[in-house]
Amino acid sequence: MSVLQIQQNFKARMTLSTRSAVLSLYMHVFRIARAWQAQTGIMSDTEDERKYIVQEARTLFRQNQQLTDQESIRRCIEECEARIEMGLHYRIPYPRATYLPPLGLATQKGRKLRGQQRLRKQAKPVYLQSHDET
């Protein structure tokens, strides 16, 4: 077996395992939505939160279905797992707020603004990486 065949074989196995991991996460999100109960106990709040969970999952999974780079797929999987854990822990399906880094307010122009934009990007938690894109 040549090196090229080994690489192709590994890539095919990696793709199949990645695909099954993504599909498993997708189904897990829908199971969570089906069993979701709002903290308030009001049925209309529960229905709204269930709809939000399903809509958010569909939007993000469809948005990322064309990804082929294993690293970006891994980051999306990590984000999904983090959002699931945060939602289940705090019983809130919506993304948590992100806070500005120290010295977060800068002028509208110049080097300070570029530095602040870089700091904000670095300070963004993993569970909000795709939130602004939707």
N, C-alpha and C. Protein backbone atom coordinates (compact mmCIF):
# COMPACT_ATOMS: atom_id res chain seq x y z
N MET A 1 0.84 -1.17 0.00
CA MET A 1 0.00 0.00 0.00
C MET A 1 0.90 1.24 0.00
N SER A 2 0.61 2.16 -0.90
CA SER A 2 1.43 3.36 -1.00
C SER A 2 1.03 4.38 0.07
N VAL A 3 1.88 5.38 0.23
CA VAL A 3 1.63 6.44 1.20
C VAL A 3 0.36 7.20 0.82
N LEU A 4 0.16 7.42 -0.47
CA LEU A 4 -1.02 8.13 -0.93
C LEU A 4 -2.30 7.36 -0.59
N GLN A 5 -2.29 6.05 -0.77
CA GLN A 5 -3.45 5.24 -0.43
C GLN A 5 -3.72 5.25 1.06
N ILE A 6 -2.66 5.23 1.86
CA ILE A 6 -2.82 5.29 3.32
C ILE A 6 -3.44 6.62 3.73
N GLN A 7 -2.96 7.72 3.13
CA GLN A 7 -3.50 9.04 3.44
C GLN A 7 -4.97 9.14 3.04
N GLN A 8 -5.31 8.63 1.86
CA GLN A 8 -6.70 8.66 1.39
C GLN A 8 -7.58 7.80 2.29
N ASN A 9 -7.08 6.65 2.71
CA ASN A 9 -7.81 5.76 3.61
C ASN A 9 -8.07 6.45 4.95
N PHE A 10 -7.04 7.09 5.49
CA PHE A 10 -7.17 7.80 6.76
C PHE A 10 -8.17 8.94 6.63
N LYS A 11 -8.07 9.69 5.52
CA LYS A 11 -8.98 10.82 5.31
C LYS A 11 -10.43 10.33 5.19
N ALA A 12 -10.66 9.21 4.52
CA ALA A 12 -12.01 8.67 4.38
C ALA A 12 -12.56 8.25 5.74
N ARG A 13 -11.72 7.58 6.56
CA ARG A 13 -12.16 7.20 7.90
C ARG A 13 -12.43 8.42 8.76
N MET A 14 -11.56 9.44 8.64
CA MET A 14 -11.74 10.66 9.42
C MET A 14 -13.03 11.35 9.01
N THR A 15 -13.32 11.38 7.72
CA THR A 15 -14.53 12.01 7.23
C THR A 15 -15.77 11.27 7.74
N LEU A 16 -15.74 9.94 7.73
CA LEU A 16 -16.88 9.17 8.21
C LEU A 16 -17.09 9.37 9.71
N SER A 17 -16.00 9.40 10.47
CA SER A 17 -16.15 9.60 11.91
C SER A 17 -16.61 11.03 12.21
N THR A 18 -16.12 11.99 11.44
CA THR A 18 -16.56 13.37 11.61
C THR A 18 -18.02 13.51 11.27
N ARG A 19 -18.42 12.89 10.19
CA ARG A 19 -19.83 12.95 9.77
C ARG A 19 -20.73 12.35 10.84
N SER A 20 -20.34 11.21 11.39
CA SER A 20 -21.18 10.59 12.42
C SER A 20 -21.20 11.45 13.69
N ALA A 21 -20.09 12.11 14.01
CA ALA A 21 -20.07 12.98 15.19
C ALA A 21 -21.00 14.18 14.99
N VAL A 22 -20.97 14.75 13.80
CA VAL A 22 -21.83 15.90 13.51
C VAL A 22 -23.30 15.50 13.53
N LEU A 23 -23.64 14.38 12.91
CA LEU A 23 -25.02 13.92 12.90
C LEU A 23 -25.50 13.58 14.31
N SER A 24 -24.62 13.00 15.11
CA SER A 24 -24.97 12.70 16.49
C SER A 24 -25.26 13.97 17.27
N LEU A 25 -24.43 15.01 17.09
CA LEU A 25 -24.68 16.29 17.75
C LEU A 25 -25.99 16.90 17.30
N TYR A 26 -26.25 16.82 16.00
CA TYR A 26 -27.48 17.39 15.43
C TYR A 26 -28.71 16.74 16.07
N MET A 27 -28.70 15.42 16.15
CA MET A 27 -29.82 14.72 16.76
C MET A 27 -29.91 15.01 18.26
N HIS A 28 -28.77 15.14 18.91
CA HIS A 28 -28.75 15.45 20.34
C HIS A 28 -29.41 16.81 20.61
N VAL A 29 -29.15 17.78 19.75
CA VAL A 29 -29.76 19.10 19.91
C VAL A 29 -31.28 19.00 19.78
N PHE A 30 -31.75 18.22 18.81
CA PHE A 30 -33.20 18.08 18.63
C PHE A 30 -33.85 17.32 19.80
N ARG A 31 -33.13 16.36 20.39
CA ARG A 31 -33.65 15.68 21.57
C ARG A 31 -33.75 16.64 22.75
N ILE A 32 -32.75 17.51 22.87
CA ILE A 32 -32.78 18.52 23.94
C ILE A 32 -33.97 19.45 23.73
N ALA A 33 -34.17 19.88 22.49
CA ALA A 33 -35.29 20.80 22.20
C ALA A 33 -36.63 20.14 22.52
N ARG A 34 -36.76 18.87 22.21
CA ARG A 34 -38.02 18.17 22.45
C ARG A 34 -38.35 18.11 23.95
N ALA A 35 -37.31 17.97 24.77
CA ALA A 35 -37.52 17.83 26.22
C ALA A 35 -37.34 19.14 26.98
N TRP A 36 -37.09 20.23 26.29
CA TRP A 36 -36.77 21.50 26.94
C TRP A 36 -37.96 22.05 27.73
N GLN A 37 -37.67 22.55 28.93
CA GLN A 37 -38.66 23.22 29.77
C GLN A 37 -38.08 24.57 30.17
N ALA A 38 -38.85 25.63 29.96
CA ALA A 38 -38.40 26.98 30.33
C ALA A 38 -38.32 27.11 31.84
N GLN A 39 -37.42 27.96 32.32
CA GLN A 39 -37.28 28.17 33.76
C GLN A 39 -38.53 28.77 34.38
N THR A 40 -39.24 29.57 33.59
CA THR A 40 -40.44 30.23 34.12
C THR A 40 -41.58 29.25 34.33
N GLY A 41 -41.58 28.15 33.60
CA GLY A 41 -42.65 27.18 33.71
C GLY A 41 -43.86 27.52 32.85
N ILE A 42 -43.82 28.66 32.17
CA ILE A 42 -44.92 29.08 31.31
C ILE A 42 -44.78 28.34 29.98
N MET A 43 -45.88 27.75 29.53
CA MET A 43 -45.85 26.93 28.32
C MET A 43 -45.45 27.73 27.09
N SER A 44 -45.91 28.99 26.98
CA SER A 44 -45.56 29.80 25.81
C SER A 44 -44.05 30.09 25.78
N ASP A 45 -43.44 30.30 26.95
CA ASP A 45 -41.99 30.50 27.01
C ASP A 45 -41.26 29.23 26.59
N THR A 46 -41.77 28.10 27.05
CA THR A 46 -41.17 26.81 26.69
C THR A 46 -41.22 26.61 25.18
N GLU A 47 -42.36 26.88 24.56
CA GLU A 47 -42.50 26.71 23.12
C GLU A 47 -41.58 27.66 22.36
N ASP A 48 -41.49 28.92 22.82
CA ASP A 48 -40.59 29.88 22.17
C ASP A 48 -39.14 29.43 22.25
N GLU A 49 -38.73 28.94 23.41
CA GLU A 49 -37.35 28.49 23.57
C GLU A 49 -37.08 27.23 22.76
N ARG A 50 -38.04 26.33 22.67
CA ARG A 50 -37.87 25.13 21.84
C ARG A 50 -37.71 25.51 20.37
N LYS A 51 -38.55 26.43 19.91
CA LYS A 51 -38.45 26.89 18.52
C LYS A 51 -37.11 27.54 18.25
N TYR A 52 -36.62 28.33 19.23
CA TYR A 52 -35.33 28.98 19.08
C TYR A 52 -34.22 27.95 18.95
N ILE A 53 -34.24 26.93 19.80
CA ILE A 53 -33.19 25.90 19.76
C ILE A 53 -33.17 25.21 18.40
N VAL A 54 -34.34 24.82 17.90
CA VAL A 54 -34.43 24.13 16.62
C VAL A 54 -33.99 25.04 15.48
N GLN A 55 -34.46 26.28 15.49
CA GLN A 55 -34.10 27.23 14.43
C GLN A 55 -32.60 27.52 14.43
N GLU A 56 -32.04 27.73 15.60
CA GLU A 56 -30.60 28.03 15.71
C GLU A 56 -29.78 26.85 15.23
N ALA A 57 -30.17 25.64 15.60
CA ALA A 57 -29.45 24.44 15.17
C ALA A 57 -29.50 24.30 13.66
N ARG A 58 -30.67 24.43 13.09
CA ARG A 58 -30.79 24.29 11.63
C ARG A 58 -29.97 25.34 10.91
N THR A 59 -30.04 26.58 11.38
CA THR A 59 -29.30 27.66 10.73
C THR A 59 -27.80 27.41 10.77
N LEU A 60 -27.28 27.09 11.94
CA LEU A 60 -25.83 26.91 12.08
C LEU A 60 -25.33 25.66 11.37
N PHE A 61 -26.08 24.57 11.44
CA PHE A 61 -25.63 23.36 10.77
C PHE A 61 -25.68 23.52 9.25
N ARG A 62 -26.69 24.18 8.73
CA ARG A 62 -26.75 24.42 7.28
C ARG A 62 -25.67 25.39 6.83
N GLN A 63 -25.40 26.38 7.67
CA GLN A 63 -24.37 27.36 7.35
C GLN A 63 -23.00 26.69 7.24
N ASN A 64 -22.77 25.67 8.03
CA ASN A 64 -21.45 25.03 8.08
C ASN A 64 -21.39 23.70 7.34
N GLN A 65 -22.42 23.33 6.61
CA GLN A 65 -22.41 22.01 5.96
C GLN A 65 -21.41 21.90 4.82
N GLN A 66 -20.94 23.02 4.29
CA GLN A 66 -19.99 22.97 3.18
C GLN A 66 -18.54 22.95 3.64
N LEU A 67 -18.29 22.96 4.95
CA LEU A 67 -16.92 22.96 5.46
C LEU A 67 -16.24 21.64 5.12
N THR A 68 -14.99 21.73 4.70
CA THR A 68 -14.23 20.52 4.40
C THR A 68 -12.95 20.45 5.23
N ASP A 69 -12.49 21.56 5.74
CA ASP A 69 -11.27 21.60 6.54
C ASP A 69 -11.55 20.96 7.91
N GLN A 70 -10.75 19.95 8.27
CA GLN A 70 -10.99 19.22 9.51
C GLN A 70 -10.85 20.11 10.74
N GLU A 71 -9.95 21.07 10.69
CA GLU A 71 -9.76 21.97 11.83
C GLU A 71 -10.98 22.85 12.06
N SER A 72 -11.54 23.41 11.00
CA SER A 72 -12.73 24.25 11.16
C SER A 72 -13.94 23.42 11.59
N ILE A 73 -14.04 22.20 11.11
CA ILE A 73 -15.12 21.31 11.53
C ILE A 73 -14.97 21.00 13.02
N ARG A 74 -13.75 20.74 13.46
CA ARG A 74 -13.49 20.45 14.87
C ARG A 74 -13.87 21.65 15.75
N ARG A 75 -13.55 22.88 15.28
CA ARG A 75 -13.91 24.07 16.04
C ARG A 75 -15.43 24.23 16.14
N CYS A 76 -16.14 23.94 15.05
CA CYS A 76 -17.61 24.02 15.08
C CYS A 76 -18.21 22.98 16.02
N ILE A 77 -17.64 21.79 16.04
CA ILE A 77 -18.11 20.75 16.96
C ILE A 77 -17.87 21.18 18.40
N GLU A 78 -16.70 21.74 18.67
CA GLU A 78 -16.41 22.22 20.03
C GLU A 78 -17.37 23.33 20.43
N GLU A 79 -17.67 24.24 19.50
CA GLU A 79 -18.62 25.31 19.80
C GLU A 79 -19.99 24.75 20.12
N CYS A 80 -20.44 23.79 19.33
CA CYS A 80 -21.75 23.18 19.55
C CYS A 80 -21.80 22.50 20.92
N GLU A 81 -20.77 21.74 21.25
CA GLU A 81 -20.74 21.07 22.55
C GLU A 81 -20.73 22.08 23.69
N ALA A 82 -19.99 23.17 23.52
CA ALA A 82 -19.93 24.20 24.57
C ALA A 82 -21.29 24.86 24.74
N ARG A 83 -21.97 25.16 23.63
CA ARG A 83 -23.29 25.79 23.73
C ARG A 83 -24.31 24.85 24.35
N ILE A 84 -24.22 23.57 24.06
CA ILE A 84 -25.12 22.59 24.69
C ILE A 84 -24.89 22.56 26.19
N GLU A 85 -23.63 22.47 26.60
CA GLU A 85 -23.32 22.42 28.02
C GLU A 85 -23.75 23.69 28.74
N MET A 86 -23.51 24.85 28.13
CA MET A 86 -23.90 26.12 28.76
C MET A 86 -25.42 26.20 28.87
N GLY A 87 -26.12 25.82 27.83
CA GLY A 87 -27.57 25.88 27.85
C GLY A 87 -28.18 24.96 28.88
N LEU A 88 -27.65 23.75 28.97
CA LEU A 88 -28.17 22.79 29.96
C LEU A 88 -27.82 23.21 31.38
N HIS A 89 -26.64 23.75 31.57
CA HIS A 89 -26.22 24.14 32.91
C HIS A 89 -27.03 25.33 33.44
N TYR A 90 -27.16 26.37 32.61
CA TYR A 90 -27.85 27.57 33.05
C TYR A 90 -29.34 27.56 32.74
N ARG A 91 -29.80 26.55 31.99
CA ARG A 91 -31.20 26.42 31.59
C ARG A 91 -31.67 27.62 30.77
N ILE A 92 -30.75 28.16 29.97
CA ILE A 92 -31.06 29.28 29.08
C ILE A 92 -30.56 28.88 27.69
N PRO A 93 -31.43 28.82 26.70
CA PRO A 93 -31.00 28.39 25.38
C PRO A 93 -30.25 29.47 24.58
N TYR A 94 -30.37 30.71 25.00
CA TYR A 94 -29.78 31.82 24.25
C TYR A 94 -28.30 31.97 24.61
N PRO A 95 -27.49 32.46 23.68
CA PRO A 95 -26.07 32.65 23.98
C PRO A 95 -25.88 33.65 25.11
N ARG A 96 -24.92 33.37 25.95
CA ARG A 96 -24.61 34.29 27.04
C ARG A 96 -23.92 35.52 26.49
N ALA A 97 -24.01 36.61 27.23
CA ALA A 97 -23.41 37.86 26.81
C ALA A 97 -21.89 37.76 26.84
N THR A 98 -21.26 38.47 25.95
CA THR A 98 -19.81 38.57 25.95
C THR A 98 -19.44 39.96 26.46
N TYR A 99 -18.37 40.03 27.17
CA TYR A 99 -17.98 41.29 27.77
C TYR A 99 -16.74 41.85 27.07
N LEU A 100 -16.62 43.16 27.09
CA LEU A 100 -15.48 43.80 26.47
C LEU A 100 -14.22 43.54 27.29
N PRO A 101 -13.10 43.40 26.62
CA PRO A 101 -11.84 43.24 27.36
C PRO A 101 -11.46 44.55 28.03
N PRO A 102 -10.49 44.52 28.92
CA PRO A 102 -10.05 45.77 29.55
C PRO A 102 -9.67 46.81 28.50
N LEU A 103 -9.94 48.06 28.80
CA LEU A 103 -9.71 49.17 27.87
C LEU A 103 -10.53 48.96 26.61
N GLY A 104 -11.74 48.50 26.75
CA GLY A 104 -12.58 48.12 25.62
C GLY A 104 -13.14 49.26 24.80
N LEU A 105 -13.06 50.46 25.27
CA LEU A 105 -13.58 51.58 24.51
C LEU A 105 -12.42 52.34 23.88
N ALA A 106 -12.48 52.51 22.57
CA ALA A 106 -11.40 53.20 21.86
C ALA A 106 -12.00 54.21 20.92
N THR A 107 -11.15 55.00 20.35
CA THR A 107 -11.59 55.98 19.37
C THR A 107 -12.08 55.26 18.13
N GLN A 108 -12.69 55.98 17.22
CA GLN A 108 -13.25 55.38 16.02
C GLN A 108 -12.21 55.17 14.92
N LYS A 109 -11.00 55.71 15.09
CA LYS A 109 -9.98 55.58 14.05
C LYS A 109 -8.64 55.25 14.68
N GLY A 110 -7.73 54.83 13.84
CA GLY A 110 -6.34 54.72 14.25
C GLY A 110 -5.93 53.37 14.79
N ARG A 111 -4.68 53.38 15.30
CA ARG A 111 -4.08 52.14 15.79
C ARG A 111 -4.79 51.59 17.02
N LYS A 112 -5.27 52.46 17.86
CA LYS A 112 -5.95 52.00 19.08
C LYS A 112 -7.20 51.19 18.73
N LEU A 113 -7.92 51.63 17.70
CA LEU A 113 -9.12 50.90 17.29
C LEU A 113 -8.75 49.51 16.78
N ARG A 114 -7.71 49.41 15.96
CA ARG A 114 -7.29 48.09 15.45
C ARG A 114 -6.86 47.18 16.60
N GLY A 115 -6.17 47.74 17.56
CA GLY A 115 -5.76 46.96 18.72
C GLY A 115 -6.94 46.48 19.53
N GLN A 116 -7.95 47.33 19.68
CA GLN A 116 -9.14 46.95 20.43
C GLN A 116 -9.95 45.89 19.68
N GLN A 117 -10.01 46.02 18.36
CA GLN A 117 -10.72 45.01 17.57
C GLN A 117 -10.04 43.65 17.72
N ARG A 118 -8.72 43.63 17.72
CA ARG A 118 -7.97 42.39 17.90
C ARG A 118 -8.23 41.81 19.29
N LEU A 119 -8.22 42.66 20.33
CA LEU A 119 -8.49 42.19 21.69
C LEU A 119 -9.91 41.63 21.82
N ARG A 120 -10.88 42.28 21.18
CA ARG A 120 -12.26 41.79 21.24
C ARG A 120 -12.39 40.42 20.58
N LYS A 121 -11.69 40.26 19.45
CA LYS A 121 -11.75 38.97 18.75
C LYS A 121 -11.12 37.88 19.60
N GLN A 122 -10.02 38.19 20.27
CA GLN A 122 -9.36 37.21 21.13
C GLN A 122 -10.20 36.89 22.36
N ALA A 123 -10.96 37.87 22.85
CA ALA A 123 -11.74 37.68 24.07
C ALA A 123 -13.06 36.97 23.83
N LYS A 124 -13.43 36.73 22.57
CA LYS A 124 -14.71 36.09 22.26
C LYS A 124 -14.66 34.62 22.65
N PRO A 125 -15.58 34.16 23.51
CA PRO A 125 -15.56 32.77 23.95
C PRO A 125 -15.93 31.81 22.82
N VAL A 126 -15.57 30.55 22.99
CA VAL A 126 -15.77 29.54 21.95
C VAL A 126 -17.24 29.34 21.62
N TYR A 127 -18.11 29.52 22.59
CA TYR A 127 -19.52 29.26 22.34
C TYR A 127 -20.21 30.39 21.59
N LEU A 128 -19.50 31.45 21.26
CA LEU A 128 -20.08 32.56 20.49
C LEU A 128 -19.38 32.78 19.16
N GLN A 129 -18.54 31.86 18.72
CA GLN A 129 -17.76 32.07 17.50
C GLN A 129 -18.64 32.29 16.29
N SER A 130 -19.71 31.58 16.14
CA SER A 130 -20.55 31.71 14.94
C SER A 130 -21.80 32.54 15.20
N HIS A 131 -21.97 33.07 16.40
CA HIS A 131 -23.20 33.78 16.74
C HIS A 131 -23.39 35.04 15.91
N ASP A 132 -22.35 35.82 15.68
CA ASP A 132 -22.49 37.06 14.92
C ASP A 132 -22.72 36.83 13.44
N GLU A 133 -22.35 35.65 12.96
CA GLU A 133 -22.47 35.35 11.54
C GLU A 133 -23.90 35.00 11.13
N THR A 134 -24.76 34.65 12.08
CA THR A 134 -26.12 34.23 11.72
C THR A 134 -27.04 35.41 11.58
